[in-house]
PDB file of all heavy atoms in Angstrom:
ATOM      1  N   GLU A   1     -11.363  -0.115  -9.098  1.00  0.00           N
ATOM      2  CA  GLU A   1     -10.343  -0.148 -10.122  1.00  0.00           C
ATOM      3  C   GLU A   1      -9.390  -1.296  -9.979  1.00  0.00           C
ATOM      4  O   GLU A   1      -9.202  -1.891  -8.882  1.00  0.00           O
ATOM      5  CB  GLU A   1      -9.504   1.213 -10.102  1.00  0.00           C
ATOM      6  CG  GLU A   1     -10.380   2.383 -10.497  1.00  0.00           C
ATOM      7  CD  GLU A   1      -9.479   3.619 -10.604  1.00  0.00           C
ATOM      8  OE1 GLU A   1      -8.324   3.565 -10.305  1.00  0.00           O
ATOM      9  OE2 GLU A   1     -10.029   4.721 -11.022  1.00  0.00           O
ATOM     10  N   TYR A   2      -8.738  -1.669 -11.130  1.00  0.00           N
ATOM     11  CA  TYR A   2      -7.747  -2.788 -11.095  1.00  0.00           C
ATOM     12  C   TYR A   2      -6.366  -2.181 -10.992  1.00  0.00           C
ATOM     13  O   TYR A   2      -6.205  -0.959 -11.320  1.00  0.00           O
ATOM     14  CB  TYR A   2      -7.837  -3.639 -12.390  1.00  0.00           C
ATOM     15  CG  TYR A   2      -9.154  -4.444 -12.434  1.00  0.00           C
ATOM     16  CD1 TYR A   2     -10.370  -3.944 -12.868  1.00  0.00           C
ATOM     17  CD2 TYR A   2      -9.091  -5.752 -11.883  1.00  0.00           C
ATOM     18  CE1 TYR A   2     -11.524  -4.691 -12.915  1.00  0.00           C
ATOM     19  CE2 TYR A   2     -10.251  -6.506 -11.877  1.00  0.00           C
ATOM     20  CZ  TYR A   2     -11.428  -6.033 -12.370  1.00  0.00           C
ATOM     21  OH  TYR A   2     -12.560  -6.787 -12.370  1.00  0.00           O
ATOM     22  N   PRO A   3      -5.311  -2.854 -10.523  1.00  0.00           N
ATOM     23  CA  PRO A   3      -4.019  -2.310 -10.418  1.00  0.00           C
ATOM     24  C   PRO A   3      -3.446  -1.540 -11.569  1.00  0.00           C
ATOM     25  O   PRO A   3      -2.853  -0.486 -11.472  1.00  0.00           O
ATOM     26  CB  PRO A   3      -3.116  -3.537 -10.028  1.00  0.00           C
ATOM     27  CG  PRO A   3      -4.089  -4.478  -9.309  1.00  0.00           C
ATOM     28  CD  PRO A   3      -5.368  -4.242 -10.031  1.00  0.00           C
ATOM     29  N   HIS A   4      -3.767  -2.165 -12.835  1.00  0.00           N
ATOM     30  CA  HIS A   4      -3.129  -1.523 -13.999  1.00  0.00           C
ATOM     31  C   HIS A   4      -3.805  -0.185 -14.376  1.00  0.00           C
ATOM     32  O   HIS A   4      -3.242   0.555 -15.113  1.00  0.00           O
ATOM     33  CB  HIS A   4      -3.307  -2.477 -15.212  1.00  0.00           C
ATOM     34  CG  HIS A   4      -4.674  -2.602 -15.707  1.00  0.00           C
ATOM     35  ND1 HIS A   4      -5.602  -3.551 -15.241  1.00  0.00           N
ATOM     36  CD2 HIS A   4      -5.354  -1.838 -16.689  1.00  0.00           C
ATOM     37  CE1 HIS A   4      -6.775  -3.355 -15.873  1.00  0.00           C
ATOM     38  NE2 HIS A   4      -6.631  -2.366 -16.828  1.00  0.00           N
ATOM     39  N   GLN A   5      -4.981   0.105 -13.751  1.00  0.00           N
ATOM     40  CA  GLN A   5      -5.615   1.416 -13.944  1.00  0.00           C
ATOM     41  C   GLN A   5      -5.068   2.519 -13.056  1.00  0.00           C
ATOM     42  O   GLN A   5      -5.486   3.630 -13.180  1.00  0.00           O
ATOM     43  CB  GLN A   5      -7.113   1.245 -13.799  1.00  0.00           C
ATOM     44  CG  GLN A   5      -7.745   0.270 -14.719  1.00  0.00           C
ATOM     45  CD  GLN A   5      -9.292   0.113 -14.385  1.00  0.00           C
ATOM     46  OE1 GLN A   5      -9.652  -0.541 -13.486  1.00  0.00           O
ATOM     47  NE2 GLN A   5     -10.134   0.673 -15.195  1.00  0.00           N
ATOM     48  N   MET A   6      -4.082   2.178 -12.240  1.00  0.00           N
ATOM     49  CA  MET A   6      -3.637   3.223 -11.239  1.00  0.00           C
ATOM     50  C   MET A   6      -2.125   3.431 -11.500  1.00  0.00           C
ATOM     51  O   MET A   6      -1.386   2.627 -12.043  1.00  0.00           O
ATOM     52  CB  MET A   6      -3.748   2.611  -9.785  1.00  0.00           C
ATOM     53  CG  MET A   6      -5.103   2.355  -9.343  1.00  0.00           C
ATOM     54  SD  MET A   6      -5.224   1.813  -7.626  1.00  0.00           S
ATOM     55  CE  MET A   6      -6.378   2.952  -6.903  1.00  0.00           C
ATOM     56  N   SER A   7      -1.724   4.633 -11.145  1.00  0.00           N
ATOM     57  CA  SER A   7      -0.301   4.999 -11.217  1.00  0.00           C
ATOM     58  C   SER A   7       0.502   4.295 -10.170  1.00  0.00           C
ATOM     59  O   SER A   7      -0.051   3.711  -9.281  1.00  0.00           O
ATOM     60  CB  SER A   7      -0.154   6.509 -10.983  1.00  0.00           C
ATOM     61  OG  SER A   7      -0.437   6.863  -9.709  1.00  0.00           O
ATOM     62  N   GLY A   8       1.863   4.287 -10.251  1.00  0.00           N
ATOM     63  CA  GLY A   8       2.725   3.701  -9.297  1.00  0.00           C
ATOM     64  C   GLY A   8       2.603   4.232  -7.943  1.00  0.00           C
ATOM     65  O   GLY A   8       2.481   3.485  -6.935  1.00  0.00           O
ATOM     66  N   GLY A   9       2.353   5.577  -7.799  1.00  0.00           N
ATOM     67  CA  GLY A   9       2.179   6.158  -6.479  1.00  0.00           C
ATOM     68  C   GLY A   9       0.840   5.719  -5.905  1.00  0.00           C
ATOM     69  O   GLY A   9       0.848   5.430  -4.670  1.00  0.00           O
ATOM     70  N   MET A  10      -0.185   5.637  -6.709  1.00  0.00           N
ATOM     71  CA  MET A  10      -1.525   5.211  -6.186  1.00  0.00           C
ATOM     72  C   MET A  10      -1.498   3.749  -5.793  1.00  0.00           C
ATOM     73  O   MET A  10      -2.061   3.355  -4.706  1.00  0.00           O
ATOM     74  CB  MET A  10      -2.597   5.443  -7.254  1.00  0.00           C
ATOM     75  CG  MET A  10      -3.047   6.893  -7.261  1.00  0.00           C
ATOM     76  SD  MET A  10      -3.768   7.457  -5.760  1.00  0.00           S
ATOM     77  CE  MET A  10      -3.601   9.264  -5.865  1.00  0.00           C
ATOM     78  N   ARG A  11      -0.753   2.880  -6.537  1.00  0.00           N
ATOM     79  CA  ARG A  11      -0.657   1.511  -6.177  1.00  0.00           C
ATOM     80  C   ARG A  11       0.059   1.290  -4.866  1.00  0.00           C
ATOM     81  O   ARG A  11      -0.359   0.498  -4.036  1.00  0.00           O
ATOM     82  CB  ARG A  11       0.039   0.728  -7.281  1.00  0.00           C
ATOM     83  CG  ARG A  11      -0.742   0.383  -8.595  1.00  0.00           C
ATOM     84  CD  ARG A  11      -0.155  -0.596  -9.400  1.00  0.00           C
ATOM     85  NE  ARG A  11       1.140  -0.209  -9.989  1.00  0.00           N
ATOM     86  CZ  ARG A  11       1.257   0.310 -11.102  1.00  0.00           C
ATOM     87  NH1 ARG A  11       0.246   0.607 -11.884  1.00  0.00           N
ATOM     88  NH2 ARG A  11       2.496   0.627 -11.568  1.00  0.00           N
ATOM     89  N   GLN A  12       1.084   2.162  -4.578  1.00  0.00           N
ATOM     90  CA  GLN A  12       1.791   2.079  -3.327  1.00  0.00           C
ATOM     91  C   GLN A  12       0.888   2.523  -2.172  1.00  0.00           C
ATOM     92  O   GLN A  12       0.959   1.987  -1.138  1.00  0.00           O
ATOM     93  CB  GLN A  12       3.081   2.856  -3.407  1.00  0.00           C
ATOM     94  CG  GLN A  12       4.043   2.567  -2.264  1.00  0.00           C
ATOM     95  CD  GLN A  12       4.476   1.171  -2.255  1.00  0.00           C
ATOM     96  OE1 GLN A  12       3.727   0.336  -1.705  1.00  0.00           O
ATOM     97  NE2 GLN A  12       5.649   0.844  -2.770  1.00  0.00           N
ATOM     98  N   ARG A  13       0.010   3.491  -2.463  1.00  0.00           N
ATOM     99  CA  ARG A  13      -0.969   3.872  -1.386  1.00  0.00           C
ATOM    100  C   ARG A  13      -1.966   2.823  -1.091  1.00  0.00           C
ATOM    101  O   ARG A  13      -2.349   2.570   0.045  1.00  0.00           O
ATOM    102  CB  ARG A  13      -1.662   5.156  -1.909  1.00  0.00           C
ATOM    103  CG  ARG A  13      -0.880   6.357  -1.860  1.00  0.00           C
ATOM    104  CD  ARG A  13      -1.580   7.619  -2.506  1.00  0.00           C
ATOM    105  NE  ARG A  13      -0.598   8.731  -2.698  1.00  0.00           N
ATOM    106  CZ  ARG A  13      -0.531   9.772  -1.818  1.00  0.00           C
ATOM    107  NH1 ARG A  13      -1.324   9.833  -0.765  1.00  0.00           N
ATOM    108  NH2 ARG A  13       0.345  10.703  -2.004  1.00  0.00           N
ATOM    109  N   VAL A  14      -2.303   2.002  -2.171  1.00  0.00           N
ATOM    110  CA  VAL A  14      -3.175   0.879  -1.914  1.00  0.00           C
ATOM    111  C   VAL A  14      -2.471  -0.172  -1.069  1.00  0.00           C
ATOM    112  O   VAL A  14      -3.055  -0.768  -0.095  1.00  0.00           O
ATOM    113  CB  VAL A  14      -3.573   0.165  -3.262  1.00  0.00           C
ATOM    114  CG1 VAL A  14      -4.312  -1.158  -3.014  1.00  0.00           C
ATOM    115  CG2 VAL A  14      -4.482   1.083  -4.036  1.00  0.00           C
ATOM    116  N   MET A  15      -1.138  -0.426  -1.251  1.00  0.00           N
ATOM    117  CA  MET A  15      -0.414  -1.271  -0.466  1.00  0.00           C
ATOM    118  C   MET A  15      -0.329  -0.886   1.003  1.00  0.00           C
ATOM    119  O   MET A  15      -0.448  -1.699   1.938  1.00  0.00           O
ATOM    120  CB  MET A  15       1.102  -1.437  -1.005  1.00  0.00           C
ATOM    121  CG  MET A  15       1.118  -2.162  -2.326  1.00  0.00           C
ATOM    122  SD  MET A  15       0.549  -3.891  -2.292  1.00  0.00           S
ATOM    123  CE  MET A  15       1.741  -4.586  -1.121  1.00  0.00           C
ATOM    124  N   ILE A  16      -0.229   0.425   1.245  1.00  0.00           N
ATOM    125  CA  ILE A  16      -0.191   1.042   2.558  1.00  0.00           C
ATOM    126  C   ILE A  16      -1.575   0.864   3.171  1.00  0.00           C
ATOM    127  O   ILE A  16      -1.698   0.521   4.316  1.00  0.00           O
ATOM    128  CB  ILE A  16       0.240   2.509   2.552  1.00  0.00           C
ATOM    129  CG1 ILE A  16       1.729   2.551   2.074  1.00  0.00           C
ATOM    130  CG2 ILE A  16       0.215   3.156   4.006  1.00  0.00           C
ATOM    131  CD1 ILE A  16       2.250   3.976   1.797  1.00  0.00           C
ATOM    132  N   ALA A  17      -2.647   1.123   2.363  1.00  0.00           N
ATOM    133  CA  ALA A  17      -4.022   0.871   2.886  1.00  0.00           C
ATOM    134  C   ALA A  17      -4.293  -0.516   3.346  1.00  0.00           C
ATOM    135  O   ALA A  17      -4.836  -0.776   4.343  1.00  0.00           O
ATOM    136  CB  ALA A  17      -5.021   1.313   1.800  1.00  0.00           C
ATOM    137  N   MET A  18      -3.726  -1.452   2.544  1.00  0.00           N
ATOM    138  CA  MET A  18      -3.799  -2.874   2.836  1.00  0.00           C
ATOM    139  C   MET A  18      -3.099  -3.221   4.162  1.00  0.00           C
ATOM    140  O   MET A  18      -3.625  -3.970   5.024  1.00  0.00           O
ATOM    141  CB  MET A  18      -3.260  -3.707   1.700  1.00  0.00           C
ATOM    142  CG  MET A  18      -3.594  -5.214   1.809  1.00  0.00           C
ATOM    143  SD  MET A  18      -2.777  -6.136   0.393  1.00  0.00           S
ATOM    144  CE  MET A  18      -3.727  -5.446  -0.986  1.00  0.00           C
ATOM    145  N   ALA A  19      -1.891  -2.567   4.332  1.00  0.00           N
ATOM    146  CA  ALA A  19      -1.071  -2.831   5.553  1.00  0.00           C
ATOM    147  C   ALA A  19      -1.817  -2.200   6.772  1.00  0.00           C
ATOM    148  O   ALA A  19      -1.770  -2.744   7.879  1.00  0.00           O
ATOM    149  CB  ALA A  19       0.232  -2.204   5.394  1.00  0.00           C
ATOM    150  N   LEU A  20      -2.580  -1.149   6.603  1.00  0.00           N
ATOM    151  CA  LEU A  20      -3.222  -0.414   7.715  1.00  0.00           C
ATOM    152  C   LEU A  20      -4.611  -1.033   8.045  1.00  0.00           C
ATOM    153  O   LEU A  20      -5.230  -0.637   9.092  1.00  0.00           O
ATOM    154  CB  LEU A  20      -3.353   1.046   7.363  1.00  0.00           C
ATOM    155  CG  LEU A  20      -2.103   1.909   7.459  1.00  0.00           C
ATOM    156  CD1 LEU A  20      -2.408   3.260   6.800  1.00  0.00           C
ATOM    157  CD2 LEU A  20      -1.747   2.043   8.891  1.00  0.00           C
ATOM    158  N   ALA A  21      -5.174  -1.771   7.173  1.00  0.00           N
ATOM    159  CA  ALA A  21      -6.570  -2.160   7.229  1.00  0.00           C
ATOM    160  C   ALA A  21      -7.031  -2.784   8.514  1.00  0.00           C
ATOM    161  O   ALA A  21      -8.096  -2.638   9.010  1.00  0.00           O
ATOM    162  CB  ALA A  21      -6.979  -3.131   6.039  1.00  0.00           C
ATOM    163  N   CYS A  22      -6.066  -3.567   9.168  1.00  0.00           N
ATOM    164  CA  CYS A  22      -6.443  -4.214  10.438  1.00  0.00           C
ATOM    165  C   CYS A  22      -5.840  -3.554  11.627  1.00  0.00           C
ATOM    166  O   CYS A  22      -5.644  -4.167  12.669  1.00  0.00           O
ATOM    167  CB  CYS A  22      -6.037  -5.691  10.364  1.00  0.00           C
ATOM    168  SG  CYS A  22      -7.048  -6.598   9.185  1.00  0.00           S
ATOM    169  N   HIS A  23      -5.370  -2.269  11.390  1.00  0.00           N
ATOM    170  CA  HIS A  23      -4.803  -1.470  12.530  1.00  0.00           C
ATOM    171  C   HIS A  23      -3.648  -2.235  13.197  1.00  0.00           C
ATOM    172  O   HIS A  23      -3.681  -2.480  14.459  1.00  0.00           O
ATOM    173  CB  HIS A  23      -5.858  -1.079  13.619  1.00  0.00           C
ATOM    174  CG  HIS A  23      -7.021  -0.543  13.031  1.00  0.00           C
ATOM    175  ND1 HIS A  23      -8.346  -0.980  13.275  1.00  0.00           N
ATOM    176  CD2 HIS A  23      -7.249   0.504  12.105  1.00  0.00           C
ATOM    177  CE1 HIS A  23      -9.252  -0.326  12.610  1.00  0.00           C
ATOM    178  NE2 HIS A  23      -8.573   0.640  11.861  1.00  0.00           N
ATOM    179  N   PRO A  24      -2.552  -2.426  12.455  1.00  0.00           N
ATOM    180  CA  PRO A  24      -1.398  -3.185  13.042  1.00  0.00           C
ATOM    181  C   PRO A  24      -0.599  -2.333  14.062  1.00  0.00           C
ATOM    182  O   PRO A  24      -0.734  -1.082  13.934  1.00  0.00           O
ATOM    183  CB  PRO A  24      -0.545  -3.498  11.763  1.00  0.00           C
ATOM    184  CG  PRO A  24      -0.843  -2.345  10.846  1.00  0.00           C
ATOM    185  CD  PRO A  24      -2.288  -2.051  11.085  1.00  0.00           C
ATOM    186  N   ARG A  25       0.124  -2.985  14.906  1.00  0.00           N
ATOM    187  CA  ARG A  25       1.026  -2.273  15.849  1.00  0.00           C
ATOM    188  C   ARG A  25       2.384  -2.051  15.277  1.00  0.00           C
ATOM    189  O   ARG A  25       3.112  -1.142  15.672  1.00  0.00           O
ATOM    190  CB  ARG A  25       1.078  -3.093  17.179  1.00  0.00           C
ATOM    191  CG  ARG A  25      -0.321  -3.180  17.860  1.00  0.00           C
ATOM    192  CD  ARG A  25      -0.081  -3.597  19.300  1.00  0.00           C
ATOM    193  NE  ARG A  25       0.501  -2.469  20.068  1.00  0.00           N
ATOM    194  CZ  ARG A  25       1.135  -2.624  21.208  1.00  0.00           C
ATOM    195  NH1 ARG A  25       1.221  -3.798  21.784  1.00  0.00           N
ATOM    196  NH2 ARG A  25       1.651  -1.582  21.879  1.00  0.00           N
ATOM    197  N   LEU A  26       2.722  -2.920  14.264  1.00  0.00           N
ATOM    198  CA  LEU A  26       4.055  -2.771  13.649  1.00  0.00           C
ATOM    199  C   LEU A  26       3.861  -2.915  12.092  1.00  0.00           C
ATOM    200  O   LEU A  26       3.244  -3.837  11.645  1.00  0.00           O
ATOM    201  CB  LEU A  26       5.054  -3.859  14.098  1.00  0.00           C
ATOM    202  CG  LEU A  26       6.346  -3.956  13.444  1.00  0.00           C
ATOM    203  CD1 LEU A  26       7.213  -2.671  13.714  1.00  0.00           C
ATOM    204  CD2 LEU A  26       7.156  -5.193  13.838  1.00  0.00           C
ATOM    205  N   MET A  27       4.444  -1.979  11.410  1.00  0.00           N
ATOM    206  CA  MET A  27       4.483  -2.075   9.891  1.00  0.00           C
ATOM    207  C   MET A  27       5.934  -2.159   9.534  1.00  0.00           C
ATOM    208  O   MET A  27       6.775  -1.428   9.963  1.00  0.00           O
ATOM    209  CB  MET A  27       3.909  -0.745   9.290  1.00  0.00           C
ATOM    210  CG  MET A  27       2.391  -0.712   9.271  1.00  0.00           C
ATOM    211  SD  MET A  27       1.779   0.537   8.173  1.00  0.00           S
ATOM    212  CE  MET A  27       2.395   2.095   8.934  1.00  0.00           C
ATOM    213  N   ILE A  28       6.180  -3.128   8.609  1.00  0.00           N
ATOM    214  CA  ILE A  28       7.505  -3.412   7.991  1.00  0.00           C
ATOM    215  C   ILE A  28       7.444  -2.817   6.552  1.00  0.00           C
ATOM    216  O   ILE A  28       6.669  -3.319   5.769  1.00  0.00           O
ATOM    217  CB  ILE A  28       7.930  -4.827   8.021  1.00  0.00           C
ATOM    218  CG1 ILE A  28       8.008  -5.358   9.518  1.00  0.00           C
ATOM    219  CG2 ILE A  28       9.280  -5.045   7.342  1.00  0.00           C
ATOM    220  CD1 ILE A  28       8.236  -6.856   9.559  1.00  0.00           C
ATOM    221  N   ALA A  29       8.258  -1.845   6.370  1.00  0.00           N
ATOM    222  CA  ALA A  29       8.243  -1.217   4.981  1.00  0.00           C
ATOM    223  C   ALA A  29       9.552  -1.543   4.310  1.00  0.00           C
ATOM    224  O   ALA A  29      10.634  -1.069   4.748  1.00  0.00           O
ATOM    225  CB  ALA A  29       8.022   0.353   5.092  1.00  0.00           C
ATOM    226  N   ASP A  30       9.521  -2.435   3.352  1.00  0.00           N
ATOM    227  CA  ASP A  30      10.726  -2.916   2.624  1.00  0.00           C
ATOM    228  C   ASP A  30      10.974  -2.146   1.333  1.00  0.00           C
ATOM    229  O   ASP A  30      10.339  -2.418   0.308  1.00  0.00           O
ATOM    230  CB  ASP A  30      10.605  -4.410   2.320  1.00  0.00           C
ATOM    231  CG  ASP A  30      11.899  -5.024   1.863  1.00  0.00           C
ATOM    232  OD1 ASP A  30      12.939  -4.288   1.792  1.00  0.00           O
ATOM    233  OD2 ASP A  30      11.863  -6.235   1.524  1.00  0.00           O
ATOM    234  N   GLU A  31      11.809  -1.071   1.366  1.00  0.00           N
ATOM    235  CA  GLU A  31      12.113  -0.230   0.294  1.00  0.00           C
ATOM    236  C   GLU A  31      10.860   0.242  -0.470  1.00  0.00           C
ATOM    237  O   GLU A  31      10.719   0.024  -1.662  1.00  0.00           O
ATOM    238  CB  GLU A  31      13.054  -0.959  -0.754  1.00  0.00           C
ATOM    239  CG  GLU A  31      14.265  -1.568  -0.065  1.00  0.00           C
ATOM    240  CD  GLU A  31      15.557  -0.912  -0.500  1.00  0.00           C
ATOM    241  OE1 GLU A  31      15.510   0.178  -1.085  1.00  0.00           O
ATOM    242  OE2 GLU A  31      16.581  -1.517  -0.254  1.00  0.00           O
ATOM    243  N   PRO A  32       9.871   0.802   0.267  1.00  0.00           N
ATOM    244  CA  PRO A  32       8.572   1.059  -0.328  1.00  0.00           C
ATOM    245  C   PRO A  32       8.501   2.226  -1.373  1.00  0.00           C
ATOM    246  O   PRO A  32       7.534   2.370  -2.093  1.00  0.00           O
ATOM    247  CB  PRO A  32       7.708   1.504   0.927  1.00  0.00           C
ATOM    248  CG  PRO A  32       8.662   2.116   1.842  1.00  0.00           C
ATOM    249  CD  PRO A  32       9.926   1.269   1.673  1.00  0.00           C
ATOM    250  N   THR A  33       9.628   3.004  -1.471  1.00  0.00           N
ATOM    251  CA  THR A  33       9.634   4.059  -2.474  1.00  0.00           C
ATOM    252  C   THR A  33      10.625   3.911  -3.558  1.00  0.00           C
ATOM    253  O   THR A  33      10.762   4.784  -4.349  1.00  0.00           O
ATOM    254  CB  THR A  33       9.882   5.412  -1.668  1.00  0.00           C
ATOM    255  OG1 THR A  33      11.185   5.318  -1.006  1.00  0.00           O
ATOM    256  CG2 THR A  33       8.784   5.673  -0.668  1.00  0.00           C
TER     257      THR A  33
END
């Protein structure tokens, strides 16, 4: 799917999935909600 096909909550989950994809040791969440 493309970003416009997803709700705001689902798009934010995609952003979190992107942040987690390489198994980081530190995540910086800048006003994510």
